[in-house]
Amino acid sequence: NTAFPSDVKDLTKKIRTVLMATAQMKEHERDPEMLVDLQYSLAKSYASTPELRKTWLDSMARIHVKNGDLSE
């Protein structure tokens, strides 16, 4: 009776989410709006991990600056 099975399930769910999001980002790499939306969804999924959430938010910020979307 440990938390190990549920921890493994949570980890595999997170890994799957990252892999699916990465594949979608690759698919939409030429569509900056969709790319940022996907990154935002991924950043939200890391609400409990501030360092990873910040990484995705920084990436979004770089895309906005690159495209001149400074209001974003």
PDB file of N, CA and C in Angstrom:
ATOM      1  N   ASN A   1       0.834  -1.197   0.000  1.00  0.00           N
ATOM      2  CA  ASN A   1       0.000   0.000   0.000  1.00  0.00           C
ATOM      3  C   ASN A   1       0.874   1.254   0.000  1.00  0.00           C
ATOM      4  N   THR A   2       1.378   1.571  -1.157  1.00  0.00           N
ATOM      5  CA  THR A   2       2.178   2.788  -1.290  1.00  0.00           C
ATOM      6  C   THR A   2       1.572   3.657  -2.378  1.00  0.00           C
ATOM      7  N   ALA A   3       2.112   4.833  -2.522  1.00  0.00           N
ATOM      8  CA  ALA A   3       1.659   5.771  -3.550  1.00  0.00           C
ATOM      9  C   ALA A   3       2.362   5.517  -4.878  1.00  0.00           C
ATOM     10  N   PHE A   4       3.249   4.532  -4.907  1.00  0.00           N
ATOM     11  CA  PHE A   4       4.048   4.289  -6.111  1.00  0.00           C
ATOM     12  C   PHE A   4       3.208   4.072  -7.372  1.00  0.00           C
ATOM     13  N   PRO A   5       2.185   3.211  -7.351  1.00  0.00           N
ATOM     14  CA  PRO A   5       1.396   3.010  -8.583  1.00  0.00           C
ATOM     15  C   PRO A   5       0.743   4.305  -9.099  1.00  0.00           C
ATOM     16  N   SER A   6       0.218   5.089  -8.201  1.00  0.00           N
ATOM     17  CA  SER A   6      -0.420   6.339  -8.646  1.00  0.00           C
ATOM     18  C   SER A   6       0.631   7.350  -9.112  1.00  0.00           C
ATOM     19  N   ASP A   7       1.802   7.332  -8.498  1.00  0.00           N
ATOM     20  CA  ASP A   7       2.885   8.215  -8.946  1.00  0.00           C
ATOM     21  C   ASP A   7       3.352   7.839 -10.351  1.00  0.00           C
ATOM     22  N   VAL A   8       3.448   6.549 -10.616  1.00  0.00           N
ATOM     23  CA  VAL A   8       3.849   6.077 -11.944  1.00  0.00           C
ATOM     24  C   VAL A   8       2.788   6.474 -12.966  1.00  0.00           C
ATOM     25  N   LYS A   9       1.530   6.314 -12.605  1.00  0.00           N
ATOM     26  CA  LYS A   9       0.431   6.690 -13.502  1.00  0.00           C
ATOM     27  C   LYS A   9       0.485   8.190 -13.818  1.00  0.00           C
ATOM     28  N   ASP A  10       0.700   9.017 -12.804  1.00  0.00           N
ATOM     29  CA  ASP A  10       0.811  10.463 -13.009  1.00  0.00           C
ATOM     30  C   ASP A  10       1.995  10.807 -13.905  1.00  0.00           C
ATOM     31  N   LEU A  11       3.112  10.148 -13.673  1.00  0.00           N
ATOM     32  CA  LEU A  11       4.308  10.403 -14.465  1.00  0.00           C
ATOM     33  C   LEU A  11       4.097  10.025 -15.927  1.00  0.00           C
ATOM     34  N   THR A  12       3.507   8.871 -16.167  1.00  0.00           N
ATOM     35  CA  THR A  12       3.273   8.455 -17.553  1.00  0.00           C
ATOM     36  C   THR A  12       2.276   9.381 -18.242  1.00  0.00           C
ATOM     37  N   LYS A  13       1.313   9.888 -17.500  1.00  0.00           N
ATOM     38  CA  LYS A  13       0.353  10.848 -18.065  1.00  0.00           C
ATOM     39  C   LYS A  13       1.073  12.141 -18.465  1.00  0.00           C
ATOM     40  N   LYS A  14       1.970  12.616 -17.610  1.00  0.00           N
ATOM     41  CA  LYS A  14       2.729  13.832 -17.920  1.00  0.00           C
ATOM     42  C   LYS A  14       3.646  13.632 -19.120  1.00  0.00           C
ATOM     43  N   ILE A  15       4.297  12.477 -19.177  1.00  0.00           N
ATOM     44  CA  ILE A  15       5.187  12.187 -20.308  1.00  0.00           C
ATOM     45  C   ILE A  15       4.390  12.142 -21.602  1.00  0.00           C
ATOM     46  N   ARG A  16       3.242  11.507 -21.569  1.00  0.00           N
ATOM     47  CA  ARG A  16       2.390  11.433 -22.754  1.00  0.00           C
ATOM     48  C   ARG A  16       1.956  12.832 -23.187  1.00  0.00           C
ATOM     49  N   THR A  17       1.584  13.665 -22.235  1.00  0.00           N
ATOM     50  CA  THR A  17       1.172  15.035 -22.545  1.00  0.00           C
ATOM     51  C   THR A  17       2.297  15.799 -23.230  1.00  0.00           C
ATOM     52  N   VAL A  18       3.499  15.674 -22.708  1.00  0.00           N
ATOM     53  CA  VAL A  18       4.651  16.371 -23.295  1.00  0.00           C
ATOM     54  C   VAL A  18       4.929  15.849 -24.701  1.00  0.00           C
ATOM     55  N   LEU A  19       4.888  14.537 -24.890  1.00  0.00           N
ATOM     56  CA  LEU A  19       5.156  13.973 -26.208  1.00  0.00           C
ATOM     57  C   LEU A  19       4.103  14.398 -27.227  1.00  0.00           C
ATOM     58  N   MET A  20       2.850  14.392 -26.828  1.00  0.00           N
ATOM     59  CA  MET A  20       1.781  14.808 -27.738  1.00  0.00           C
ATOM     60  C   MET A  20       1.903  16.292 -28.063  1.00  0.00           C
ATOM     61  N   ALA A  21       2.180  17.100 -27.063  1.00  0.00           N
ATOM     62  CA  ALA A  21       2.319  18.541 -27.285  1.00  0.00           C
ATOM     63  C   ALA A  21       3.523  18.835 -28.168  1.00  0.00           C
ATOM     64  N   THR A  22       4.608  18.122 -27.957  1.00  0.00           N
ATOM     65  CA  THR A  22       5.806  18.314 -28.776  1.00  0.00           C
ATOM     66  C   THR A  22       5.517  17.970 -30.237  1.00  0.00           C
ATOM     67  N   ALA A  23       4.806  16.889 -30.452  1.00  0.00           N
ATOM     68  CA  ALA A  23       4.448  16.500 -31.822  1.00  0.00           C
ATOM     69  C   ALA A  23       3.554  17.551 -32.461  1.00  0.00           C
ATOM     70  N   GLN A  24       2.599  18.062 -31.710  1.00  0.00           N
ATOM     71  CA  GLN A  24       1.712  19.092 -32.243  1.00  0.00           C
ATOM     72  C   GLN A  24       2.476  20.383 -32.523  1.00  0.00           C
ATOM     73  N   MET A  25       3.419  20.734 -31.656  1.00  0.00           N
ATOM     74  CA  MET A  25       4.213  21.951 -31.870  1.00  0.00           C
ATOM     75  C   MET A  25       5.044  21.822 -33.141  1.00  0.00           C
ATOM     76  N   LYS A  26       5.600  20.653 -33.371  1.00  0.00           N
ATOM     77  CA  LYS A  26       6.375  20.415 -34.594  1.00  0.00           C
ATOM     78  C   LYS A  26       5.466  20.563 -35.813  1.00  0.00           C
ATOM     79  N   GLU A  27       4.263  20.058 -35.696  1.00  0.00           N
ATOM     80  CA  GLU A  27       3.281  20.129 -36.777  1.00  0.00           C
ATOM     81  C   GLU A  27       2.881  21.571 -37.099  1.00  0.00           C
ATOM     82  N   HIS A  28       2.866  22.425 -36.085  1.00  0.00           N
ATOM     83  CA  HIS A  28       2.406  23.806 -36.243  1.00  0.00           C
ATOM     84  C   HIS A  28       3.536  24.825 -36.093  1.00  0.00           C
ATOM     85  N   GLU A  29       4.771  24.415 -36.361  1.00  0.00           N
ATOM     86  CA  GLU A  29       5.901  25.304 -36.139  1.00  0.00           C
ATOM     87  C   GLU A  29       5.860  26.551 -37.020  1.00  0.00           C
ATOM     88  N   ARG A  30       5.124  26.511 -38.116  1.00  0.00           N
ATOM     89  CA  ARG A  30       5.023  27.669 -39.006  1.00  0.00           C
ATOM     90  C   ARG A  30       3.783  28.523 -38.722  1.00  0.00           C
ATOM     91  N   ASP A  31       3.024  28.146 -37.719  1.00  0.00           N
ATOM     92  CA  ASP A  31       1.829  28.882 -37.306  1.00  0.00           C
ATOM     93  C   ASP A  31       2.055  29.400 -35.889  1.00  0.00           C
ATOM     94  N   PRO A  32       2.593  30.628 -35.772  1.00  0.00           N
ATOM     95  CA  PRO A  32       2.987  31.129 -34.450  1.00  0.00           C
ATOM     96  C   PRO A  32       1.840  31.186 -33.437  1.00  0.00           C
ATOM     97  N   GLU A  33       0.641  31.502 -33.874  1.00  0.00           N
ATOM     98  CA  GLU A  33      -0.474  31.578 -32.933  1.00  0.00           C
ATOM     99  C   GLU A  33      -0.811  30.201 -32.360  1.00  0.00           C
ATOM    100  N   MET A  34      -0.861  29.217 -33.206  1.00  0.00           N
ATOM    101  CA  MET A  34      -1.155  27.856 -32.746  1.00  0.00           C
ATOM    102  C   MET A  34      -0.017  27.333 -31.876  1.00  0.00           C
ATOM    103  N   LEU A  35       1.204  27.632 -32.267  1.00  0.00           N
ATOM    104  CA  LEU A  35       2.374  27.199 -31.505  1.00  0.00           C
ATOM    105  C   LEU A  35       2.322  27.770 -30.093  1.00  0.00           C
ATOM    106  N   VAL A  36       2.012  29.045 -29.980  1.00  0.00           N
ATOM    107  CA  VAL A  36       1.937  29.678 -28.663  1.00  0.00           C
ATOM    108  C   VAL A  36       0.769  29.107 -27.859  1.00  0.00           C
ATOM    109  N   ASP A  37      -0.353  28.837 -28.507  1.00  0.00           N
ATOM    110  CA  ASP A  37      -1.481  28.225 -27.796  1.00  0.00           C
ATOM    111  C   ASP A  37      -1.098  26.860 -27.231  1.00  0.00           C
ATOM    112  N   LEU A  38      -0.391  26.075 -28.022  1.00  0.00           N
ATOM    113  CA  LEU A  38       0.055  24.762 -27.544  1.00  0.00           C
ATOM    114  C   LEU A  38       1.034  24.900 -26.386  1.00  0.00           C
ATOM    115  N   GLN A  39       1.940  25.865 -26.494  1.00  0.00           N
ATOM    116  CA  GLN A  39       2.903  26.075 -25.416  1.00  0.00           C
ATOM    117  C   GLN A  39       2.194  26.549 -24.149  1.00  0.00           C
ATOM    118  N   TYR A  40       1.176  27.377 -24.317  1.00  0.00           N
ATOM    119  CA  TYR A  40       0.426  27.851 -23.154  1.00  0.00           C
ATOM    120  C   TYR A  40      -0.284  26.681 -22.460  1.00  0.00           C
ATOM    121  N   SER A  41      -0.871  25.794 -23.246  1.00  0.00           N
ATOM    122  CA  SER A  41      -1.527  24.616 -22.668  1.00  0.00           C
ATOM    123  C   SER A  41      -0.530  23.765 -21.890  1.00  0.00           C
ATOM    124  N   LEU A  42       0.644  23.614 -22.461  1.00  0.00           N
ATOM    125  CA  LEU A  42       1.680  22.841 -21.779  1.00  0.00           C
ATOM    126  C   LEU A  42       2.142  23.555 -20.509  1.00  0.00           C
ATOM    127  N   ALA A  43       2.295  24.857 -20.585  1.00  0.00           N
ATOM    128  CA  ALA A  43       2.697  25.628 -19.396  1.00  0.00           C
ATOM    129  C   ALA A  43       1.663  25.479 -18.287  1.00  0.00           C
ATOM    130  N   LYS A  44       0.381  25.501 -18.633  1.00  0.00           N
ATOM    131  CA  LYS A  44      -0.668  25.323 -17.627  1.00  0.00           C
ATOM    132  C   LYS A  44      -0.583  23.958 -16.971  1.00  0.00           C
ATOM    133  N   SER A  45      -0.179  22.962 -17.732  1.00  0.00           N
ATOM    134  CA  SER A  45      -0.090  21.618 -17.163  1.00  0.00           C
ATOM    135  C   SER A  45       1.048  21.509 -16.148  1.00  0.00           C
ATOM    136  N   TYR A  46       1.944  22.461 -16.163  1.00  0.00           N
ATOM    137  CA  TYR A  46       3.064  22.472 -15.217  1.00  0.00           C
ATOM    138  C   TYR A  46       2.842  23.456 -14.071  1.00  0.00           C
ATOM    139  N   ALA A  47       1.602  23.709 -13.728  1.00  0.00           N
ATOM    140  CA  ALA A  47       1.296  24.646 -12.643  1.00  0.00           C
ATOM    141  C   ALA A  47       1.973  24.243 -11.336  1.00  0.00           C
ATOM    142  N   SER A  48       2.156  22.950 -11.124  1.00  0.00           N
ATOM    143  CA  SER A  48       2.772  22.481  -9.878  1.00  0.00           C
ATOM    144  C   SER A  48       4.298  22.418  -9.957  1.00  0.00           C
ATOM    145  N   THR A  49       4.845  22.740 -11.125  1.00  0.00           N
ATOM    146  CA  THR A  49       6.299  22.719 -11.314  1.00  0.00           C
ATOM    147  C   THR A  49       6.731  24.074 -11.897  1.00  0.00           C
ATOM    148  N   PRO A  50       6.944  25.050 -11.036  1.00  0.00           N
ATOM    149  CA  PRO A  50       7.205  26.418 -11.500  1.00  0.00           C
ATOM    150  C   PRO A  50       8.382  26.555 -12.470  1.00  0.00           C
ATOM    151  N   GLU A  51       9.438  25.779 -12.287  1.00  0.00           N
ATOM    152  CA  GLU A  51      10.605  25.912 -13.168  1.00  0.00           C
ATOM    153  C   GLU A  51      10.257  25.529 -14.612  1.00  0.00           C
ATOM    154  N   LEU A  52       9.525  24.433 -14.766  1.00  0.00           N
ATOM    155  CA  LEU A  52       9.132  23.997 -16.109  1.00  0.00           C
ATOM    156  C   LEU A  52       8.088  24.932 -16.710  1.00  0.00           C
ATOM    157  N   ARG A  53       7.181  25.407 -15.879  1.00  0.00           N
ATOM    158  CA  ARG A  53       6.171  26.364 -16.353  1.00  0.00           C
ATOM    159  C   ARG A  53       6.855  27.624 -16.877  1.00  0.00           C
ATOM    160  N   LYS A  54       7.844  28.117 -16.155  1.00  0.00           N
ATOM    161  CA  LYS A  54       8.575  29.319 -16.567  1.00  0.00           C
ATOM    162  C   LYS A  54       9.313  29.083 -17.883  1.00  0.00           C
ATOM    163  N   THR A  55       9.847  27.890 -18.069  1.00  0.00           N
ATOM    164  CA  THR A  55      10.547  27.558 -19.314  1.00  0.00           C
ATOM    165  C   THR A  55       9.618  27.734 -20.508  1.00  0.00           C
ATOM    166  N   TRP A  56       8.396  27.205 -20.413  1.00  0.00           N
ATOM    167  CA  TRP A  56       7.448  27.323 -21.522  1.00  0.00           C
ATOM    168  C   TRP A  56       6.969  28.757 -21.688  1.00  0.00           C
ATOM    169  N   LEU A  57       6.772  29.470 -20.586  1.00  0.00           N
ATOM    170  CA  LEU A  57       6.352  30.871 -20.689  1.00  0.00           C
ATOM    171  C   LEU A  57       7.454  31.722 -21.320  1.00  0.00           C
ATOM    172  N   ASP A  58       8.711  31.428 -20.996  1.00  0.00           N
ATOM    173  CA  ASP A  58       9.835  32.139 -21.629  1.00  0.00           C
ATOM    174  C   ASP A  58       9.875  31.867 -23.128  1.00  0.00           C
ATOM    175  N   SER A  59       9.621  30.643 -23.505  1.00  0.00           N
ATOM    176  CA  SER A  59       9.599  30.282 -24.925  1.00  0.00           C
ATOM    177  C   SER A  59       8.488  31.041 -25.648  1.00  0.00           C
ATOM    178  N   MET A  60       7.332  31.121 -25.006  1.00  0.00           N
ATOM    179  CA  MET A  60       6.221  31.881 -25.588  1.00  0.00           C
ATOM    180  C   MET A  60       6.611  33.350 -25.753  1.00  0.00           C
ATOM    181  N   ALA A  61       7.266  33.902 -24.754  1.00  0.00           N
ATOM    182  CA  ALA A  61       7.669  35.305 -24.811  1.00  0.00           C
ATOM    183  C   ALA A  61       8.640  35.545 -25.967  1.00  0.00           C
ATOM    184  N   ARG A  62       9.564  34.631 -26.181  1.00  0.00           N
ATOM    185  CA  ARG A  62      10.511  34.779 -27.298  1.00  0.00           C
ATOM    186  C   ARG A  62       9.783  34.783 -28.641  1.00  0.00           C
ATOM    187  N   ILE A  63       8.771  33.922 -28.782  1.00  0.00           N
ATOM    188  CA  ILE A  63       8.002  33.882 -30.028  1.00  0.00           C
ATOM    189  C   ILE A  63       7.251  35.199 -30.219  1.00  0.00           C
ATOM    190  N   HIS A  64       6.662  35.718 -29.154  1.00  0.00           N
ATOM    191  CA  HIS A  64       5.934  36.983 -29.251  1.00  0.00           C
ATOM    192  C   HIS A  64       6.864  38.125 -29.645  1.00  0.00           C
ATOM    193  N   VAL A  65       8.025  38.172 -29.050  1.00  0.00           N
ATOM    194  CA  VAL A  65       8.991  39.229 -29.376  1.00  0.00           C
ATOM    195  C   VAL A  65       9.443  39.089 -30.826  1.00  0.00           C
ATOM    196  N   LYS A  66       9.750  37.869 -31.237  1.00  0.00           N
ATOM    197  CA  LYS A  66      10.201  37.607 -32.614  1.00  0.00           C
ATOM    198  C   LYS A  66       9.172  38.070 -33.635  1.00  0.00           C
ATOM    199  N   ASN A  67       7.892  37.875 -33.321  1.00  0.00           N
ATOM    200  CA  ASN A  67       6.815  38.228 -34.254  1.00  0.00           C
ATOM    201  C   ASN A  67       6.263  39.632 -34.032  1.00  0.00           C
ATOM    202  N   GLY A  68       6.830  40.358 -33.080  1.00  0.00           N
ATOM    203  CA  GLY A  68       6.385  41.728 -32.832  1.00  0.00           C
ATOM    204  C   GLY A  68       5.049  41.806 -32.113  1.00  0.00           C
ATOM    205  N   ASP A  69       4.649  40.727 -31.477  1.00  0.00           N
ATOM    206  CA  ASP A  69       3.387  40.703 -30.726  1.00  0.00           C
ATOM    207  C   ASP A  69       3.648  41.140 -29.294  1.00  0.00           C
ATOM    208  N   LEU A  70       4.081  42.361 -29.131  1.00  0.00           N
ATOM    209  CA  LEU A  70       4.518  42.813 -27.815  1.00  0.00           C
ATOM    210  C   LEU A  70       3.371  42.961 -26.827  1.00  0.00           C
ATOM    211  N   SER A  71       2.144  43.144 -27.312  1.00  0.00           N
ATOM    212  CA  SER A  71       1.020  43.261 -26.384  1.00  0.00           C
ATOM    213  C   SER A  71       0.732  41.929 -25.703  1.00  0.00           C
ATOM    214  N   GLU A  72       1.149  40.851 -26.305  1.00  0.00           N
ATOM    215  CA  GLU A  72       0.947  39.531 -25.708  1.00  0.00           C
ATOM    216  C   GLU A  72       1.906  39.347 -24.562  1.00  0.00           C
TER     217      GLU A  72
END
